[in-house]
Protein backbone atom coordinates (compact mmCIF):
# COMPACT_ATOMS: atom_id res chain seq x y z
CA UNK A 1 59.93 5.27 -56.73
CA UNK A 2 56.48 5.86 -56.36
CA UNK A 3 55.03 6.56 -52.97
CA UNK A 4 51.64 5.00 -51.61
CA UNK A 5 49.36 7.33 -50.25
CA UNK A 6 48.14 6.37 -46.74
CA UNK A 7 44.67 4.66 -46.37
CA UNK A 8 42.02 7.17 -45.54
CA UNK A 9 40.37 7.03 -42.14
CA UNK A 10 37.45 4.64 -41.80
CA UNK A 11 34.16 6.84 -41.95
CA UNK A 12 32.47 7.89 -38.82
CA UNK A 13 29.44 5.92 -37.79
CA UNK A 14 26.85 8.71 -37.22
CA UNK A 15 24.06 8.24 -34.63
CA UNK A 16 21.08 8.08 -37.07
CA UNK A 17 23.31 5.49 -39.12
CA UNK A 18 23.95 3.57 -36.00
CA UNK A 19 20.14 3.46 -35.06
CA UNK A 20 19.38 2.01 -38.51
CA UNK A 21 22.04 -0.65 -38.33
CA UNK A 22 20.94 -1.59 -34.88
CA UNK A 23 17.50 -1.98 -35.80
CA UNK A 24 17.86 -3.99 -38.82
CA UNK A 25 18.06 -7.30 -36.85
CA UNK A 26 15.04 -6.36 -34.88
CA UNK A 27 12.82 -5.45 -37.87
CA UNK A 28 13.63 -8.50 -39.94
CA UNK A 29 12.93 -10.95 -37.12
CA UNK A 30 9.95 -9.42 -35.22
CA UNK A 31 8.51 -12.36 -33.58
CA UNK A 32 11.95 -13.35 -32.34
CA UNK A 33 12.92 -9.99 -31.17
CA UNK A 34 9.17 -9.72 -29.36
CA UNK A 35 9.60 -12.73 -27.47
CA UNK A 36 13.03 -12.07 -26.17
CA UNK A 37 11.96 -8.59 -25.28
CA UNK A 38 9.18 -9.97 -23.37
CA UNK A 39 10.77 -11.30 -20.23
CA UNK A 40 12.21 -7.89 -19.87
CA UNK A 41 8.74 -6.32 -20.27
CA UNK A 42 7.34 -8.62 -17.57
CA UNK A 43 10.29 -7.77 -15.10
CA UNK A 44 10.12 -4.08 -15.60
CA UNK A 45 6.28 -3.95 -15.15
CA UNK A 46 6.69 -6.03 -11.89
CA UNK A 47 9.07 -3.40 -10.62
CA UNK A 48 7.01 -0.59 -11.61
CA UNK A 49 3.71 -1.94 -10.38
CA UNK A 50 5.16 -3.21 -7.16
CA UNK A 51 6.86 0.14 -6.35
CA UNK A 52 3.96 2.09 -7.81
CA UNK A 53 1.23 0.61 -5.51
CA UNK A 54 3.24 0.54 -2.42
CA UNK A 55 3.87 4.32 -2.85
CA UNK A 56 0.24 5.00 -3.95
CA UNK A 57 -1.09 2.86 -0.77
CA UNK A 58 1.20 4.73 1.33
CA UNK A 59 0.06 8.20 -0.03
CA UNK A 60 -3.49 7.14 0.68
CA UNK A 61 -2.84 6.10 4.38
CA UNK A 62 -0.84 9.51 4.85
CA UNK A 63 -3.84 11.34 3.25
CA UNK A 64 -6.14 9.67 5.63
CA UNK A 65 -3.93 10.40 8.66
CA UNK A 66 -3.86 14.02 7.82
CA UNK A 67 -7.76 14.08 7.22
CA UNK A 68 -8.45 12.47 10.59
CA UNK A 69 -5.80 14.29 12.50
CA UNK A 70 -2.86 13.01 14.71
CA UNK A 71 -4.31 14.78 17.90
CA UNK A 72 -6.51 12.03 19.01
CA UNK A 73 -5.37 10.28 22.32
CA UNK A 74 -7.18 7.23 23.88
CA UNK A 75 -7.08 6.31 27.36
CA UNK A 76 -8.15 2.66 28.27
CA UNK A 77 -8.30 0.26 31.07
CA UNK A 78 -4.92 -1.28 31.89
CA UNK A 79 -4.23 -4.24 34.16
CA UNK A 80 -4.31 -4.19 37.99
CA UNK A 81 -1.80 -6.07 40.33
CA UNK A 82 -3.50 -9.59 40.09
CA UNK A 83 -3.40 -9.46 35.95
CA UNK A 84 -6.96 -8.64 35.84
CA UNK A 85 -8.50 -5.74 33.96
CA UNK A 86 -8.40 -2.33 36.07
CA UNK A 87 -11.28 -0.01 36.00
CA UNK A 88 -11.28 3.84 35.17
CA UNK A 89 -12.91 6.03 37.65
CA UNK A 90 -16.35 7.24 36.44
CA UNK A 91 -14.94 10.77 36.85
CA UNK A 92 -12.09 9.88 34.57
CA UNK A 93 -13.43 11.95 31.35
CA UNK A 94 -14.26 15.08 33.42
CA UNK A 95 -10.79 15.10 34.98
CA UNK A 96 -8.98 14.97 31.60
CA UNK A 97 -11.33 17.62 30.36
CA UNK A 98 -9.58 19.91 32.55
CA UNK A 99 -6.07 19.38 31.14
CA UNK A 100 -4.68 22.46 29.31
CA UNK A 101 -4.64 21.63 25.54
CA UNK A 102 -7.74 19.49 25.71
CA UNK A 103 -10.62 20.21 23.32
CA UNK A 104 -12.96 17.38 23.46
CA UNK A 105 -13.52 14.38 25.57
CA UNK A 106 -16.09 11.31 25.13
CA UNK A 107 -15.89 7.87 26.28
CA UNK A 108 -17.29 4.42 26.18
CA UNK A 109 -17.77 1.84 28.65
CA UNK A 110 -18.26 -1.82 27.85
CA UNK A 111 -21.10 -3.64 29.43
CA UNK A 112 -19.70 -6.82 30.68
CA UNK A 113 -21.58 -10.05 30.54
CA UNK A 114 -23.98 -8.85 27.81
CA UNK A 115 -23.84 -9.99 24.23
CA UNK A 116 -25.90 -9.03 21.26
CA UNK A 117 -27.64 -11.34 18.64
CA UNK A 118 -29.85 -10.73 15.46
CA UNK A 119 -32.54 -12.72 17.36
CA UNK A 120 -32.91 -14.85 20.32
CA UNK A 121 -32.92 -17.81 18.41
CA UNK A 122 -29.18 -17.70 17.63
CA UNK A 123 -27.16 -19.90 19.91
CA UNK A 124 -25.66 -18.03 22.69
CA UNK A 125 -22.11 -19.17 21.88
CA UNK A 126 -22.29 -17.38 18.56
CA UNK A 127 -21.41 -13.98 19.81
CA UNK A 128 -19.55 -12.79 16.82
CA UNK A 129 -16.83 -11.27 18.90
CA UNK A 130 -19.23 -8.33 19.27
CA UNK A 131 -19.15 -6.04 22.42
CA UNK A 132 -22.03 -4.02 24.02
CA UNK A 133 -20.80 -0.39 25.07
CA UNK A 134 -22.34 2.42 26.54
CA UNK A 135 -21.42 5.74 24.67
CA UNK A 136 -21.61 9.22 25.20
CA UNK A 137 -23.40 11.39 22.77
CA UNK A 138 -20.58 13.33 20.88
CA UNK A 139 -18.38 10.22 20.38
CA UNK A 140 -18.38 10.32 16.64
CA UNK A 141 -16.82 13.65 16.08
CA UNK A 142 -14.01 13.05 18.48
CA UNK A 143 -13.44 9.41 17.19
CA UNK A 144 -13.47 10.30 13.66
CA UNK A 145 -16.38 8.66 12.17
CA UNK A 146 -19.71 9.25 10.91
CA UNK A 147 -23.18 7.97 10.33
CA UNK A 148 -23.81 5.88 7.17
CA UNK A 149 -27.34 5.15 7.66
CA UNK A 150 -30.25 6.09 10.24
CA UNK A 151 -29.07 8.29 12.89
CA UNK A 152 -26.81 8.31 16.13
CA UNK A 153 -27.94 8.64 19.87
CA UNK A 154 -29.29 11.66 21.24
CA UNK A 155 -30.65 13.06 24.57
CA UNK A 156 -33.84 11.23 24.11
CA UNK A 157 -32.88 7.79 22.89
CA UNK A 158 -29.76 7.41 24.96
CA UNK A 159 -32.55 6.70 27.69
CA UNK A 160 -34.37 4.15 25.65
CA UNK A 161 -33.58 0.59 24.45
CA UNK A 162 -32.04 1.96 21.15
CA UNK A 163 -28.61 0.79 19.65
CA UNK A 164 -26.42 2.04 16.91
CA UNK A 165 -24.20 -0.75 15.19
CA UNK A 166 -20.46 -0.19 14.31
CA UNK A 167 -19.52 -1.08 10.65
CA UNK A 168 -18.31 -4.70 11.32
CA UNK A 169 -21.08 -5.16 14.08
CA UNK A 170 -23.76 -4.67 11.21
CA UNK A 171 -22.06 -6.86 8.82
CA UNK A 172 -21.66 -9.60 11.26
CA UNK A 173 -25.28 -9.43 12.32
CA UNK A 174 -26.34 -9.51 8.63
CA UNK A 175 -27.69 -5.98 8.63
CA UNK A 176 -27.23 -3.98 5.47
CA UNK A 177 -29.60 -1.23 5.84
CA UNK A 178 -31.91 0.24 8.62
CA UNK A 179 -35.55 0.25 8.33
CA UNK A 180 -38.12 1.33 10.94
CA UNK A 181 -38.99 -1.11 13.52
CA UNK A 182 -35.69 -3.06 13.33
CA UNK A 183 -34.64 -4.75 16.62
CA UNK A 184 -31.81 -6.83 17.75
CA UNK A 185 -31.50 -8.90 21.06
CA UNK A 186 -29.25 -7.39 23.61
CA UNK A 187 -28.99 -8.80 26.98
CA UNK A 188 -32.03 -10.80 26.91
CA UNK A 189 -34.16 -7.76 25.63
CA UNK A 190 -35.10 -6.17 22.08
CA UNK A 191 -33.10 -2.86 21.43
CA UNK A 192 -34.15 -0.97 18.22
CA UNK A 193 -31.46 -0.24 15.73
CA UNK A 194 -31.17 3.73 15.16
CA UNK A 195 -28.37 3.68 12.58
CA UNK A 196 -25.02 1.97 11.25
CA UNK A 197 -21.63 3.81 11.39
CA UNK A 198 -18.86 4.20 8.76
CA UNK A 199 -15.56 2.72 9.64
CA UNK A 200 -13.77 4.48 12.25
CA UNK A 201 -9.94 4.20 11.24
CA UNK A 202 -8.62 5.47 14.29
CA UNK A 203 -10.99 3.67 16.81
CA UNK A 204 -11.38 0.28 15.08
CA UNK A 205 -12.76 -1.03 18.47
CA UNK A 206 -15.95 0.97 17.67
CA UNK A 207 -16.43 -1.01 14.48
CA UNK A 208 -17.42 -4.03 16.34
CA UNK A 209 -19.34 -2.35 18.85
CA UNK A 210 -23.14 -2.03 19.73
CA UNK A 211 -23.40 1.31 21.12
CA UNK A 212 -26.30 2.40 23.42
CA UNK A 213 -26.84 5.40 25.74
CA UNK A 214 -25.22 5.53 29.28
CA UNK A 215 -28.68 6.09 30.89
CA UNK A 216 -30.15 2.97 28.77
CA UNK A 217 -27.00 0.84 29.66
CA UNK A 218 -27.48 1.37 33.44
CA UNK A 219 -31.23 1.01 33.55
CA UNK A 220 -31.77 -1.97 31.45
CA UNK A 221 -28.34 -3.83 31.25
CA UNK A 222 -27.06 -3.04 34.75
CA UNK A 223 -24.06 -0.96 33.60
CA UNK A 224 -21.89 0.07 36.52
CA UNK A 225 -21.04 3.51 34.99
CA UNK A 226 -17.25 3.01 34.73
CA UNK A 227 -15.64 4.02 31.31
CA UNK A 228 -13.46 1.78 29.65
CA UNK A 229 -12.19 3.74 26.87
CA UNK A 230 -11.96 7.72 26.85
CA UNK A 231 -11.40 9.32 23.38
CA UNK A 232 -9.42 12.90 23.84
CA UNK A 233 -8.70 15.48 21.13
CA UNK A 234 -5.94 18.08 22.02
CA UNK A 235 -4.80 21.21 20.32
CA UNK A 236 -3.26 19.97 16.93
CA UNK A 237 0.40 20.98 17.58
CA UNK A 238 3.02 18.39 18.36
CA UNK A 239 4.10 20.10 21.67
CA UNK A 240 0.57 20.10 23.08
CA UNK A 241 -0.04 16.49 21.97
CA UNK A 242 2.92 15.60 23.58
CA UNK A 243 2.33 17.20 26.90
CA UNK A 244 -1.14 15.89 27.14
CA UNK A 245 0.09 12.55 26.62
CA UNK A 246 2.62 12.52 29.29
CA UNK A 247 -0.22 13.76 31.88
CA UNK A 248 -3.23 11.56 30.81
CA UNK A 249 -2.37 8.46 32.95
CA UNK A 250 -2.17 10.29 36.12
CA UNK A 251 -5.01 12.56 35.49
CA UNK A 252 -7.47 9.70 34.32
CA UNK A 253 -6.56 7.50 37.52
CA UNK A 254 -4.46 9.63 40.23
CA UNK A 255 -4.42 6.61 42.73
CA UNK A 256 -3.13 4.11 40.01
CA UNK A 257 -1.87 5.82 37.04
CA UNK A 258 0.05 2.40 36.00
CA UNK A 259 -3.24 0.80 35.47
CA UNK A 260 -3.86 3.12 32.70
CA UNK A 261 -3.11 2.60 28.98
CA UNK A 262 -2.48 5.76 26.82
CA UNK A 263 -2.25 5.50 23.08
CA UNK A 264 -2.02 7.61 19.96
CA UNK A 265 -4.15 5.75 17.20
CA UNK A 266 -2.68 7.75 14.23
CA UNK A 267 0.57 6.17 15.24
CA UNK A 268 -0.81 2.79 14.14
CA UNK A 269 -1.79 4.05 10.58
CA UNK A 270 1.69 5.78 10.47
CA UNK A 271 3.49 2.56 11.12
CA UNK A 272 1.21 0.81 8.74
CA UNK A 273 2.29 3.57 6.07
CA UNK A 274 5.79 3.16 6.82
CA UNK A 275 5.54 -0.71 6.49
CA UNK A 276 3.63 -0.53 3.24
CA UNK A 277 6.68 -1.72 1.26
CA UNK A 278 7.68 -4.37 3.73
CA UNK A 279 6.77 -7.07 1.38
CA UNK A 280 7.89 -5.61 -1.62
CA UNK A 281 11.35 -7.24 -1.60
CA UNK A 282 9.81 -10.52 -2.68
CA UNK A 283 7.97 -9.16 -5.82
CA UNK A 284 11.21 -6.94 -6.53
CA UNK A 285 12.85 -10.32 -6.41
CA UNK A 286 10.39 -12.07 -8.77
CA UNK A 287 10.80 -9.01 -11.06
CA UNK A 288 14.60 -9.45 -10.91
CA UNK A 289 14.31 -13.11 -11.89
CA UNK A 290 12.11 -12.02 -14.84
CA UNK A 291 14.79 -9.66 -15.78
CA UNK A 292 17.42 -12.28 -15.65
CA UNK A 293 15.39 -14.52 -17.86
CA UNK A 294 14.97 -11.62 -20.09
CA UNK A 295 18.61 -11.07 -20.24
CA UNK A 296 19.25 -14.70 -21.22
CA UNK A 297 16.78 -14.22 -23.98
CA UNK A 298 18.60 -11.07 -25.49
CA UNK A 299 21.90 -12.84 -25.21
CA UNK A 300 20.74 -15.92 -26.86
CA UNK A 301 19.03 -13.94 -29.80
CA UNK A 302 22.29 -11.78 -30.09
CA UNK A 303 24.36 -14.90 -30.39
CA UNK A 304 22.13 -16.35 -33.07
CA UNK A 305 22.19 -13.01 -34.81
CA UNK A 306 26.06 -12.87 -35.05
CA UNK A 307 26.01 -16.48 -36.57
CA UNK A 308 23.20 -15.73 -39.12
CA UNK A 309 24.72 -12.41 -40.13
CA UNK A 310 28.32 -13.48 -40.75
CA UNK A 311 28.27 -12.64 -44.45
CA UNK A 312 26.78 -9.20 -43.46
CA UNK A 313 29.52 -8.58 -41.02
CA UNK A 314 32.23 -9.87 -43.42
CA UNK A 315 30.82 -7.61 -46.40
CA UNK A 316 30.93 -4.69 -43.98
CA UNK A 317 34.67 -5.31 -42.87
CA UNK A 318 35.49 -5.79 -46.52
CA UNK A 319 33.92 -2.52 -47.11
CA UNK A 320 36.01 -0.83 -44.39
CA UNK A 321 33.88 -0.99 -41.36
CA UNK A 322 36.29 -1.37 -38.41
CA UNK A 323 35.94 -3.56 -35.37
CA UNK A 324 34.82 -0.92 -33.23
CA UNK A 325 31.97 -0.15 -35.51
CA UNK A 326 30.96 -3.73 -35.91
CA UNK A 327 31.18 -4.28 -32.24
CA UNK A 328 28.95 -1.07 -31.38
CA UNK A 329 26.46 -2.15 -33.99
CA UNK A 330 25.63 -5.24 -32.25
CA UNK A 331 25.97 -3.85 -28.95
CA UNK A 332 23.46 -1.24 -29.88
CA UNK A 333 21.13 -3.73 -31.19
CA UNK A 334 20.99 -5.45 -27.76
CA UNK A 335 20.25 -2.40 -25.95
CA UNK A 336 17.61 -1.04 -28.36
CA UNK A 337 16.16 -4.62 -28.04
CA UNK A 338 16.09 -4.62 -24.17
CA UNK A 339 15.00 -0.78 -24.11
CA UNK A 340 11.96 -1.83 -26.19
CA UNK A 341 11.21 -4.38 -23.54
CA UNK A 342 11.77 -2.07 -20.74
CA UNK A 343 9.42 0.61 -22.34
CA UNK A 344 6.67 -1.95 -22.80
CA UNK A 345 6.94 -2.94 -19.21
CA UNK A 346 6.82 0.78 -18.01
CA UNK A 347 3.80 1.39 -19.60
CA UNK A 348 2.29 -2.06 -18.64
CA UNK A 349 3.31 -1.64 -14.86
CA UNK A 350 2.12 2.21 -14.91
CA UNK A 351 -1.41 0.97 -16.40
CA UNK A 352 -1.74 -1.69 -13.97
CA UNK A 353 -0.94 0.37 -11.08
CA UNK A 354 -3.62 3.25 -12.22
CA UNK A 355 -6.35 0.47 -12.65
CA UNK A 356 -5.70 -1.05 -9.42
CA UNK A 357 -5.22 2.31 -7.44
CA UNK A 358 -8.23 3.86 -8.79
CA UNK A 359 -10.46 0.60 -7.83
CA UNK A 360 -9.23 1.16 -4.48
CA UNK A 361 -9.73 5.00 -4.33
CA UNK A 362 -5.87 5.79 -4.04
CA UNK A 363 -4.07 8.63 -5.55
CA UNK A 364 -1.96 7.08 -8.39
CA UNK A 365 1.64 7.73 -7.68
CA UNK A 366 4.24 6.38 -9.69
CA UNK A 367 7.71 7.08 -8.35
CA UNK A 368 10.70 8.20 -10.55
CA UNK A 369 12.73 5.39 -9.28
CA UNK A 370 10.08 2.93 -10.63
CA UNK A 371 9.86 3.74 -14.32
CA UNK A 372 13.51 5.38 -14.16
CA UNK A 373 15.18 2.46 -12.57
CA UNK A 374 13.04 0.08 -14.74
CA UNK A 375 14.60 1.71 -17.95
CA UNK A 376 18.06 1.90 -16.57
CA UNK A 377 17.89 -1.85 -15.57
CA UNK A 378 16.81 -2.69 -19.30
CA UNK A 379 19.54 -0.69 -20.85
CA UNK A 380 22.08 -2.27 -18.41
CA UNK A 381 20.84 -5.75 -19.12
CA UNK A 382 20.83 -5.07 -22.65
CA UNK A 383 24.46 -3.77 -22.74
CA UNK A 384 25.56 -6.85 -20.48
CA UNK A 385 23.67 -9.48 -22.67
CA UNK A 386 25.00 -8.05 -25.99
CA UNK A 387 28.45 -7.33 -24.99
CA UNK A 388 29.89 -10.83 -25.51
CA UNK A 389 28.07 -11.37 -29.00
CA UNK A 390 29.16 -7.92 -30.18
CA UNK A 391 33.05 -8.84 -29.44
CA UNK A 392 32.62 -12.15 -31.09
CA UNK A 393 31.03 -10.35 -34.04
CA UNK A 394 33.91 -7.94 -34.08
CA UNK A 395 36.66 -10.58 -34.01
CA UNK A 396 35.41 -12.09 -37.26
CA UNK A 397 37.91 -11.68 -39.96
CA UNK A 398 36.34 -10.58 -43.17
CA UNK A 399 37.81 -13.59 -45.14
CA UNK A 400 36.24 -15.84 -42.38
CA UNK A 401 33.08 -14.25 -42.19
CA UNK A 402 32.73 -14.25 -46.02
CA UNK A 403 33.76 -17.82 -46.56
CA UNK A 404 30.28 -19.15 -46.05
CA UNK A 405 28.98 -16.93 -48.99
């Protein structure tokens, strides 16, 4: 009696062989594969761009906060018992300057009932929401802004009808540069323009202000001398900032500390940095929809690929390929297709982030979770989309697959 030797075990499918087999369908159907990967590429690009732009914007705000400092505190008029605007005492800036830890104090005072216009022929109702404020001479250094054109007030010009325009005020008045003899109409008389300021991120109220000296405001516009906003710089340590903050209201107005408003302008920028990605959920959702469309496309092309390649499947089964090898071949093909789309999406999203961030002057930041998560999502989608077609391919019997030859 002759004994039959057992069938040899099937040959192992090496990674290099698997990569070659998985790429066959993609290389022979380039257009269809490219269109299927496009949805995944768009979805991943959206995810990378949204997260990258949010992180770049946040980094820019944090850098701005660090450059401007968190040690600026402002003291402003609050409300009195009748609900009207309270007044700070004229001596408030001097009293605040006596607090331990305070390094600099400057102030402005709003001149009530006075508006500024480009010329006296502008209708009185077109105020452009500008305010006219008396200003001390060291305001810019404390408030964190600089002169863009011209010059700021000094001891001589503070006594004359001379004004300096905030950044937004100049734009609203239609002034884009300063030349000798330029004038604006303030409170029924001409004021010469000495300069225009850069934006003041920590003191945005200055941007829409027409700034003149305290002596000139009192002499020409009837200003009463009461400050309306006091800018306080402290030693740049958290403990000192907190201590000065807690004492400012009582120091500025000992009789009515409840009628004083104290704030830390950098807190608004910090909150803005924290909320930089508040609306990202919507765009991430759109990216997820694109990924879902891409997943449907991958699943569709894999189903069609299995139907078109039944002869190949049958021949490979007849030559000894196992069900597991067939299954892993088509699953790897789906993953490779999705990974190609994901890689293209990461490159596109990173490029978009780089271009937009550079136009805004931001540092380009593309977080690991953006491109890493995009690639991981692409691989997962490819695996899920290709799983069912791969199982169907593996279930084809060799005779059934070869029957259509």
